Amino acid sequence: MVSCQKREVQIEDLRNHGLEAVMTLKRVLSCGAKVTPDPKRAGFYEVESRSTVYYIYAPRLNGKVTLLATWPRENELMHSGAAA
């Protein structure tokens, strides 16, 4: 079991990805996910969970995050047979 910090994260879901995506992103952020800054856009990041990549906007690291997009991780596409 992975221990997570109790960090308050507010997530705004502009494109209605659904409660499950928002809750998973919140959990992943609280547990120290791999976060990669977008080299072309300040304040934009890719956050990876086991199966999903979340594209977020967080201009200040103050706990407020805007969820912009999600997509399956590349390794999940290969396992599902969806990759060509």
PDB file of N, CA and C in Angstrom:
ATOM      1  N   MET A   1       0.841  -1.184   0.000  1.00  0.00           N
ATOM      2  CA  MET A   1       0.000   0.000   0.000  1.00  0.00           C
ATOM      3  C   MET A   1       0.882   1.241   0.000  1.00  0.00           C
ATOM      4  N   VAL A   2       0.527   2.214  -0.827  1.00  0.00           N
ATOM      5  CA  VAL A   2       1.278   3.453  -0.936  1.00  0.00           C
ATOM      6  C   VAL A   2       0.700   4.462   0.037  1.00  0.00           C
ATOM      7  N   SER A   3       1.581   5.079   0.822  1.00  0.00           N
ATOM      8  CA  SER A   3       1.087   6.103   1.739  1.00  0.00           C
ATOM      9  C   SER A   3       1.061   7.444   1.015  1.00  0.00           C
ATOM     10  N   CYS A   4       0.028   8.201   1.256  1.00  0.00           N
ATOM     11  CA  CYS A   4      -0.164   9.476   0.575  1.00  0.00           C
ATOM     12  C   CYS A   4      -0.228  10.599   1.594  1.00  0.00           C
ATOM     13  N   GLN A   5       0.211  11.763   1.168  1.00  0.00           N
ATOM     14  CA  GLN A   5       0.126  12.936   2.018  1.00  0.00           C
ATOM     15  C   GLN A   5      -1.271  13.521   1.926  1.00  0.00           C
ATOM     16  N   LYS A   6      -1.722  14.087   3.021  1.00  0.00           N
ATOM     17  CA  LYS A   6      -3.023  14.763   3.008  1.00  0.00           C
ATOM     18  C   LYS A   6      -2.804  16.187   2.530  1.00  0.00           C
ATOM     19  N   ARG A   7      -2.812  16.354   1.228  1.00  0.00           N
ATOM     20  CA  ARG A   7      -2.615  17.646   0.607  1.00  0.00           C
ATOM     21  C   ARG A   7      -3.929  18.055  -0.042  1.00  0.00           C
ATOM     22  N   GLU A   8      -4.414  19.222   0.280  1.00  0.00           N
ATOM     23  CA  GLU A   8      -5.684  19.675  -0.293  1.00  0.00           C
ATOM     24  C   GLU A   8      -5.453  20.157  -1.722  1.00  0.00           C
ATOM     25  N   VAL A   9      -6.097  19.499  -2.674  1.00  0.00           N
ATOM     26  CA  VAL A   9      -5.986  19.853  -4.079  1.00  0.00           C
ATOM     27  C   VAL A   9      -7.384  20.164  -4.596  1.00  0.00           C
ATOM     28  N   GLN A  10      -7.541  21.328  -5.193  1.00  0.00           N
ATOM     29  CA  GLN A  10      -8.810  21.700  -5.823  1.00  0.00           C
ATOM     30  C   GLN A  10      -8.644  21.517  -7.323  1.00  0.00           C
ATOM     31  N   ILE A  11      -9.520  20.709  -7.912  1.00  0.00           N
ATOM     32  CA  ILE A  11      -9.423  20.434  -9.343  1.00  0.00           C
ATOM     33  C   ILE A  11     -10.661  20.968 -10.043  1.00  0.00           C
ATOM     34  N   GLU A  12     -10.418  21.813 -11.033  1.00  0.00           N
ATOM     35  CA  GLU A  12     -11.491  22.328 -11.874  1.00  0.00           C
ATOM     36  C   GLU A  12     -11.487  21.507 -13.160  1.00  0.00           C
ATOM     37  N   ASP A  13     -12.623  20.933 -13.505  1.00  0.00           N
ATOM     38  CA  ASP A  13     -12.752  20.060 -14.671  1.00  0.00           C
ATOM     39  C   ASP A  13     -13.545  20.796 -15.738  1.00  0.00           C
ATOM     40  N   LEU A  14     -12.857  21.530 -16.607  1.00  0.00           N
ATOM     41  CA  LEU A  14     -13.522  22.368 -17.607  1.00  0.00           C
ATOM     42  C   LEU A  14     -14.238  21.578 -18.686  1.00  0.00           C
ATOM     43  N   ARG A  15     -13.772  20.367 -18.955  1.00  0.00           N
ATOM     44  CA  ARG A  15     -14.333  19.608 -20.078  1.00  0.00           C
ATOM     45  C   ARG A  15     -15.140  18.396 -19.640  1.00  0.00           C
ATOM     46  N   ASN A  16     -15.557  18.391 -18.389  1.00  0.00           N
ATOM     47  CA  ASN A  16     -16.428  17.338 -17.862  1.00  0.00           C
ATOM     48  C   ASN A  16     -15.878  15.927 -18.096  1.00  0.00           C
ATOM     49  N   HIS A  17     -14.675  15.682 -17.596  1.00  0.00           N
ATOM     50  CA  HIS A  17     -14.075  14.351 -17.698  1.00  0.00           C
ATOM     51  C   HIS A  17     -14.728  13.357 -16.755  1.00  0.00           C
ATOM     52  N   GLY A  18     -15.454  13.852 -15.799  1.00  0.00           N
ATOM     53  CA  GLY A  18     -16.184  12.986 -14.884  1.00  0.00           C
ATOM     54  C   GLY A  18     -15.537  12.891 -13.519  1.00  0.00           C
ATOM     55  N   LEU A  19     -16.348  12.494 -12.559  1.00  0.00           N
ATOM     56  CA  LEU A  19     -15.916  12.417 -11.168  1.00  0.00           C
ATOM     57  C   LEU A  19     -14.775  11.417 -10.979  1.00  0.00           C
ATOM     58  N   GLU A  20     -14.827  10.289 -11.663  1.00  0.00           N
ATOM     59  CA  GLU A  20     -13.775   9.275 -11.513  1.00  0.00           C
ATOM     60  C   GLU A  20     -12.413   9.827 -11.931  1.00  0.00           C
ATOM     61  N   ALA A  21     -12.352  10.538 -13.053  1.00  0.00           N
ATOM     62  CA  ALA A  21     -11.089  11.122 -13.513  1.00  0.00           C
ATOM     63  C   ALA A  21     -10.577  12.158 -12.529  1.00  0.00           C
ATOM     64  N   VAL A  22     -11.468  12.984 -12.019  1.00  0.00           N
ATOM     65  CA  VAL A  22     -11.079  14.026 -11.065  1.00  0.00           C
ATOM     66  C   VAL A  22     -10.566  13.405  -9.765  1.00  0.00           C
ATOM     67  N   MET A  23     -11.266  12.418  -9.259  1.00  0.00           N
ATOM     68  CA  MET A  23     -10.857  11.780  -7.998  1.00  0.00           C
ATOM     69  C   MET A  23      -9.531  11.017  -8.162  1.00  0.00           C
ATOM     70  N   THR A  24      -9.361  10.366  -9.303  1.00  0.00           N
ATOM     71  CA  THR A  24      -8.106   9.654  -9.554  1.00  0.00           C
ATOM     72  C   THR A  24      -6.946  10.641  -9.658  1.00  0.00           C
ATOM     73  N   LEU A  25      -7.146  11.744 -10.364  1.00  0.00           N
ATOM     74  CA  LEU A  25      -6.106  12.764 -10.463  1.00  0.00           C
ATOM     75  C   LEU A  25      -5.766  13.322  -9.088  1.00  0.00           C
ATOM     76  N   LYS A  26      -6.763  13.575  -8.288  1.00  0.00           N
ATOM     77  CA  LYS A  26      -6.530  14.094  -6.934  1.00  0.00           C
ATOM     78  C   LYS A  26      -5.695  13.101  -6.118  1.00  0.00           C
ATOM     79  N   ARG A  27      -6.038  11.818  -6.198  1.00  0.00           N
ATOM     80  CA  ARG A  27      -5.296  10.789  -5.468  1.00  0.00           C
ATOM     81  C   ARG A  27      -3.861  10.687  -5.985  1.00  0.00           C
ATOM     82  N   VAL A  28      -3.702  10.697  -7.293  1.00  0.00           N
ATOM     83  CA  VAL A  28      -2.378  10.574  -7.892  1.00  0.00           C
ATOM     84  C   VAL A  28      -1.496  11.763  -7.504  1.00  0.00           C
ATOM     85  N   LEU A  29      -2.043  12.957  -7.521  1.00  0.00           N
ATOM     86  CA  LEU A  29      -1.279  14.140  -7.125  1.00  0.00           C
ATOM     87  C   LEU A  29      -0.892  14.081  -5.652  1.00  0.00           C
ATOM     88  N   SER A  30      -1.770  13.571  -4.821  1.00  0.00           N
ATOM     89  CA  SER A  30      -1.493  13.465  -3.386  1.00  0.00           C
ATOM     90  C   SER A  30      -0.429  12.428  -3.073  1.00  0.00           C
ATOM     91  N   CYS A  31      -0.283  11.443  -3.961  1.00  0.00           N
ATOM     92  CA  CYS A  31       0.647  10.343  -3.718  1.00  0.00           C
ATOM     93  C   CYS A  31       1.997  10.536  -4.404  1.00  0.00           C
ATOM     94  N   GLY A  32       2.251  11.706  -4.931  1.00  0.00           N
ATOM     95  CA  GLY A  32       3.556  11.960  -5.531  1.00  0.00           C
ATOM     96  C   GLY A  32       3.714  11.380  -6.921  1.00  0.00           C
ATOM     97  N   ALA A  33       2.824  11.711  -7.807  1.00  0.00           N
ATOM     98  CA  ALA A  33       2.842  11.205  -9.175  1.00  0.00           C
ATOM     99  C   ALA A  33       4.019  11.770  -9.960  1.00  0.00           C
ATOM    100  N   LYS A  34       4.308  11.129 -11.081  1.00  0.00           N
ATOM    101  CA  LYS A  34       5.299  11.660 -12.009  1.00  0.00           C
ATOM    102  C   LYS A  34       4.657  12.837 -12.727  1.00  0.00           C
ATOM    103  N   VAL A  35       5.257  14.009 -12.567  1.00  0.00           N
ATOM    104  CA  VAL A  35       4.734  15.237 -13.162  1.00  0.00           C
ATOM    105  C   VAL A  35       5.809  15.796 -14.084  1.00  0.00           C
ATOM    106  N   THR A  36       5.450  15.978 -15.359  1.00  0.00           N
ATOM    107  CA  THR A  36       6.396  16.478 -16.351  1.00  0.00           C
ATOM    108  C   THR A  36       5.927  17.832 -16.866  1.00  0.00           C
ATOM    109  N   PRO A  37       6.750  18.875 -16.707  1.00  0.00           N
ATOM    110  CA  PRO A  37       6.357  20.184 -17.222  1.00  0.00           C
ATOM    111  C   PRO A  37       6.319  20.187 -18.744  1.00  0.00           C
ATOM    112  N   ASP A  38       5.374  20.918 -19.319  1.00  0.00           N
ATOM    113  CA  ASP A  38       5.307  21.108 -20.762  1.00  0.00           C
ATOM    114  C   ASP A  38       6.399  22.120 -21.123  1.00  0.00           C
ATOM    115  N   PRO A  39       7.372  21.732 -21.944  1.00  0.00           N
ATOM    116  CA  PRO A  39       8.479  22.637 -22.241  1.00  0.00           C
ATOM    117  C   PRO A  39       8.074  23.875 -23.039  1.00  0.00           C
ATOM    118  N   LYS A  40       6.900  23.839 -23.658  1.00  0.00           N
ATOM    119  CA  LYS A  40       6.462  24.960 -24.489  1.00  0.00           C
ATOM    120  C   LYS A  40       5.484  25.894 -23.789  1.00  0.00           C
ATOM    121  N   ARG A  41       4.933  25.466 -22.645  1.00  0.00           N
ATOM    122  CA  ARG A  41       3.901  26.261 -21.979  1.00  0.00           C
ATOM    123  C   ARG A  41       4.139  26.293 -20.474  1.00  0.00           C
ATOM    124  N   ALA A  42       4.390  27.476 -19.972  1.00  0.00           N
ATOM    125  CA  ALA A  42       4.604  27.628 -18.534  1.00  0.00           C
ATOM    126  C   ALA A  42       3.315  27.317 -17.783  1.00  0.00           C
ATOM    127  N   GLY A  43       3.422  26.568 -16.711  1.00  0.00           N
ATOM    128  CA  GLY A  43       2.271  26.247 -15.869  1.00  0.00           C
ATOM    129  C   GLY A  43       1.465  25.049 -16.326  1.00  0.00           C
ATOM    130  N   PHE A  44       1.845  24.417 -17.432  1.00  0.00           N
ATOM    131  CA  PHE A  44       1.150  23.246 -17.943  1.00  0.00           C
ATOM    132  C   PHE A  44       1.999  22.002 -17.677  1.00  0.00           C
ATOM    133  N   TYR A  45       1.327  20.888 -17.306  1.00  0.00           N
ATOM    134  CA  TYR A  45       2.032  19.676 -16.915  1.00  0.00           C
ATOM    135  C   TYR A  45       1.293  18.441 -17.391  1.00  0.00           C
ATOM    136  N   GLU A  46       2.047  17.351 -17.579  1.00  0.00           N
ATOM    137  CA  GLU A  46       1.478  16.022 -17.771  1.00  0.00           C
ATOM    138  C   GLU A  46       1.681  15.262 -16.471  1.00  0.00           C
ATOM    139  N   VAL A  47       0.620  14.650 -15.981  1.00  0.00           N
ATOM    140  CA  VAL A  47       0.656  13.871 -14.747  1.00  0.00           C
ATOM    141  C   VAL A  47       0.304  12.433 -15.119  1.00  0.00           C
ATOM    142  N   GLU A  48       1.149  11.484 -14.722  1.00  0.00           N
ATOM    143  CA  GLU A  48       0.933  10.086 -15.100  1.00  0.00           C
ATOM    144  C   GLU A  48       0.431   9.255 -13.931  1.00  0.00           C
ATOM    145  N   SER A  49      -0.631   8.498 -14.204  1.00  0.00           N
ATOM    146  CA  SER A  49      -1.065   7.452 -13.284  1.00  0.00           C
ATOM    147  C   SER A  49      -0.660   6.125 -13.928  1.00  0.00           C
ATOM    148  N   ARG A  50      -1.075   5.028 -13.367  1.00  0.00           N
ATOM    149  CA  ARG A  50      -0.721   3.723 -13.953  1.00  0.00           C
ATOM    150  C   ARG A  50      -1.276   3.558 -15.359  1.00  0.00           C
ATOM    151  N   SER A  51      -2.456   4.084 -15.619  1.00  0.00           N
ATOM    152  CA  SER A  51      -3.105   3.835 -16.904  1.00  0.00           C
ATOM    153  C   SER A  51      -3.433   5.089 -17.707  1.00  0.00           C
ATOM    154  N   THR A  52      -3.314   6.268 -17.105  1.00  0.00           N
ATOM    155  CA  THR A  52      -3.793   7.490 -17.750  1.00  0.00           C
ATOM    156  C   THR A  52      -2.786   8.618 -17.602  1.00  0.00           C
ATOM    157  N   VAL A  53      -2.739   9.479 -18.625  1.00  0.00           N
ATOM    158  CA  VAL A  53      -1.988  10.724 -18.550  1.00  0.00           C
ATOM    159  C   VAL A  53      -3.002  11.853 -18.456  1.00  0.00           C
ATOM    160  N   TYR A  54      -2.784  12.757 -17.514  1.00  0.00           N
ATOM    161  CA  TYR A  54      -3.647  13.922 -17.319  1.00  0.00           C
ATOM    162  C   TYR A  54      -2.859  15.163 -17.726  1.00  0.00           C
ATOM    163  N   TYR A  55      -3.469  16.025 -18.528  1.00  0.00           N
ATOM    164  CA  TYR A  55      -2.836  17.286 -18.906  1.00  0.00           C
ATOM    165  C   TYR A  55      -3.509  18.372 -18.079  1.00  0.00           C
ATOM    166  N   ILE A  56      -2.709  19.070 -17.285  1.00  0.00           N
ATOM    167  CA  ILE A  56      -3.269  20.032 -16.341  1.00  0.00           C
ATOM    168  C   ILE A  56      -2.617  21.399 -16.491  1.00  0.00           C
ATOM    169  N   TYR A  57      -3.298  22.387 -15.963  1.00  0.00           N
ATOM    170  CA  TYR A  57      -2.762  23.735 -15.851  1.00  0.00           C
ATOM    171  C   TYR A  57      -2.723  24.076 -14.374  1.00  0.00           C
ATOM    172  N   ALA A  58      -1.536  24.417 -13.890  1.00  0.00           N
ATOM    173  CA  ALA A  58      -1.345  24.792 -12.494  1.00  0.00           C
ATOM    174  C   ALA A  58      -0.298  25.904 -12.461  1.00  0.00           C
ATOM    175  N   PRO A  59      -0.719  27.153 -12.690  1.00  0.00           N
ATOM    176  CA  PRO A  59       0.246  28.244 -12.806  1.00  0.00           C
ATOM    177  C   PRO A  59       1.030  28.506 -11.523  1.00  0.00           C
ATOM    178  N   ARG A  60       0.413  28.224 -10.405  1.00  0.00           N
ATOM    179  CA  ARG A  60       1.075  28.355  -9.102  1.00  0.00           C
ATOM    180  C   ARG A  60       0.875  27.038  -8.368  1.00  0.00           C
ATOM    181  N   LEU A  61       1.874  26.627  -7.689  1.00  0.00           N
ATOM    182  CA  LEU A  61       1.770  25.351  -6.974  1.00  0.00           C
ATOM    183  C   LEU A  61       1.094  25.584  -5.630  1.00  0.00           C
ATOM    184  N   ASN A  62      -0.170  26.029  -5.695  1.00  0.00           N
ATOM    185  CA  ASN A  62      -0.919  26.363  -4.483  1.00  0.00           C
ATOM    186  C   ASN A  62      -2.092  25.424  -4.238  1.00  0.00           C
ATOM    187  N   GLY A  63      -2.154  24.323  -4.986  1.00  0.00           N
ATOM    188  CA  GLY A  63      -3.222  23.360  -4.783  1.00  0.00           C
ATOM    189  C   GLY A  63      -4.411  23.524  -5.704  1.00  0.00           C
ATOM    190  N   LYS A  64      -4.372  24.531  -6.597  1.00  0.00           N
ATOM    191  CA  LYS A  64      -5.462  24.720  -7.563  1.00  0.00           C
ATOM    192  C   LYS A  64      -4.979  24.241  -8.927  1.00  0.00           C
ATOM    193  N   VAL A  65      -5.741  23.299  -9.500  1.00  0.00           N
ATOM    194  CA  VAL A  65      -5.366  22.638 -10.746  1.00  0.00           C
ATOM    195  C   VAL A  65      -6.560  22.660 -11.691  1.00  0.00           C
ATOM    196  N   THR A  66      -6.297  22.900 -12.968  1.00  0.00           N
ATOM    197  CA  THR A  66      -7.334  22.801 -13.989  1.00  0.00           C
ATOM    198  C   THR A  66      -7.031  21.589 -14.856  1.00  0.00           C
ATOM    199  N   LEU A  67      -7.966  20.639 -14.890  1.00  0.00           N
ATOM    200  CA  LEU A  67      -7.824  19.442 -15.714  1.00  0.00           C
ATOM    201  C   LEU A  67      -8.287  19.791 -17.124  1.00  0.00           C
ATOM    202  N   LEU A  68      -7.383  19.628 -18.102  1.00  0.00           N
ATOM    203  CA  LEU A  68      -7.688  20.003 -19.479  1.00  0.00           C
ATOM    204  C   LEU A  68      -7.931  18.809 -20.397  1.00  0.00           C
ATOM    205  N   ALA A  69      -7.197  17.714 -20.191  1.00  0.00           N
ATOM    206  CA  ALA A  69      -7.326  16.557 -21.083  1.00  0.00           C
ATOM    207  C   ALA A  69      -6.813  15.301 -20.386  1.00  0.00           C
ATOM    208  N   THR A  70      -7.263  14.161 -20.873  1.00  0.00           N
ATOM    209  CA  THR A  70      -6.751  12.857 -20.428  1.00  0.00           C
ATOM    210  C   THR A  70      -6.594  11.965 -21.646  1.00  0.00           C
ATOM    211  N   TRP A  71      -5.653  11.007 -21.549  1.00  0.00           N
ATOM    212  CA  TRP A  71      -5.501   9.991 -22.579  1.00  0.00           C
ATOM    213  C   TRP A  71      -4.827   8.781 -21.956  1.00  0.00           C
ATOM    214  N   PRO A  72      -5.004   7.605 -22.567  1.00  0.00           N
ATOM    215  CA  PRO A  72      -4.373   6.395 -22.030  1.00  0.00           C
ATOM    216  C   PRO A  72      -2.859   6.490 -22.164  1.00  0.00           C
ATOM    217  N   ARG A  73      -2.154   5.961 -21.161  1.00  0.00           N
ATOM    218  CA  ARG A  73      -0.691   5.897 -21.256  1.00  0.00           C
ATOM    219  C   ARG A  73      -0.306   4.988 -22.401  1.00  0.00           C
ATOM    220  N   GLU A  74       0.845   5.231 -22.989  1.00  0.00           N
ATOM    221  CA  GLU A  74       1.307   4.460 -24.129  1.00  0.00           C
ATOM    222  C   GLU A  74       1.387   2.969 -23.840  1.00  0.00           C
ATOM    223  N   ASN A  75       1.900   2.600 -22.664  1.00  0.00           N
ATOM    224  CA  ASN A  75       2.007   1.177 -22.344  1.00  0.00           C
ATOM    225  C   ASN A  75       0.631   0.531 -22.207  1.00  0.00           C
ATOM    226  N   GLU A  76      -0.379   1.297 -21.819  1.00  0.00           N
ATOM    227  CA  GLU A  76      -1.741   0.759 -21.741  1.00  0.00           C
ATOM    228  C   GLU A  76      -2.297   0.503 -23.139  1.00  0.00           C
ATOM    229  N   LEU A  77      -1.953   1.365 -24.095  1.00  0.00           N
ATOM    230  CA  LEU A  77      -2.395   1.152 -25.476  1.00  0.00           C
ATOM    231  C   LEU A  77      -1.806  -0.131 -26.033  1.00  0.00           C
ATOM    232  N   MET A  78      -0.523  -0.391 -25.737  1.00  0.00           N
ATOM    233  CA  MET A  78       0.115  -1.608 -26.232  1.00  0.00           C
ATOM    234  C   MET A  78      -0.505  -2.856 -25.628  1.00  0.00           C
ATOM    235  N   HIS A  79      -0.829  -2.808 -24.328  1.00  0.00           N
ATOM    236  CA  HIS A  79      -1.443  -3.957 -23.659  1.00  0.00           C
ATOM    237  C   HIS A  79      -2.853  -4.227 -24.165  1.00  0.00           C
ATOM    238  N   SER A  80      -3.553  -3.163 -24.563  1.00  0.00           N
ATOM    239  CA  SER A  80      -4.930  -3.362 -25.014  1.00  0.00           C
ATOM    240  C   SER A  80      -5.005  -3.746 -26.487  1.00  0.00           C
ATOM    241  N   GLY A  81      -3.857  -3.669 -27.185  1.00  0.00           N
ATOM    242  CA  GLY A  81      -3.857  -4.025 -28.598  1.00  0.00           C
ATOM    243  C   GLY A  81      -4.289  -2.899 -29.489  1.00  0.00           C
ATOM    244  N   ALA A  82      -4.438  -1.689 -28.950  1.00  0.00           N
ATOM    245  CA  ALA A  82      -4.892  -0.551 -29.735  1.00  0.00           C
ATOM    246  C   ALA A  82      -3.768   0.107 -30.510  1.00  0.00           C
ATOM    247  N   ALA A  83      -2.520  -0.160 -30.158  1.00  0.00           N
ATOM    248  CA  ALA A  83      -1.393   0.452 -30.873  1.00  0.00           C
ATOM    249  C   ALA A  83      -1.155  -0.308 -32.172  1.00  0.00           C
ATOM    250  N   ALA A  84      -0.798   0.430 -33.198  1.00  0.00           N
ATOM    251  CA  ALA A  84      -0.565  -0.205 -34.511  1.00  0.00           C
ATOM    252  C   ALA A  84       0.875  -0.606 -34.665  1.00  0.00           C
TER     253      ALA A  84
END
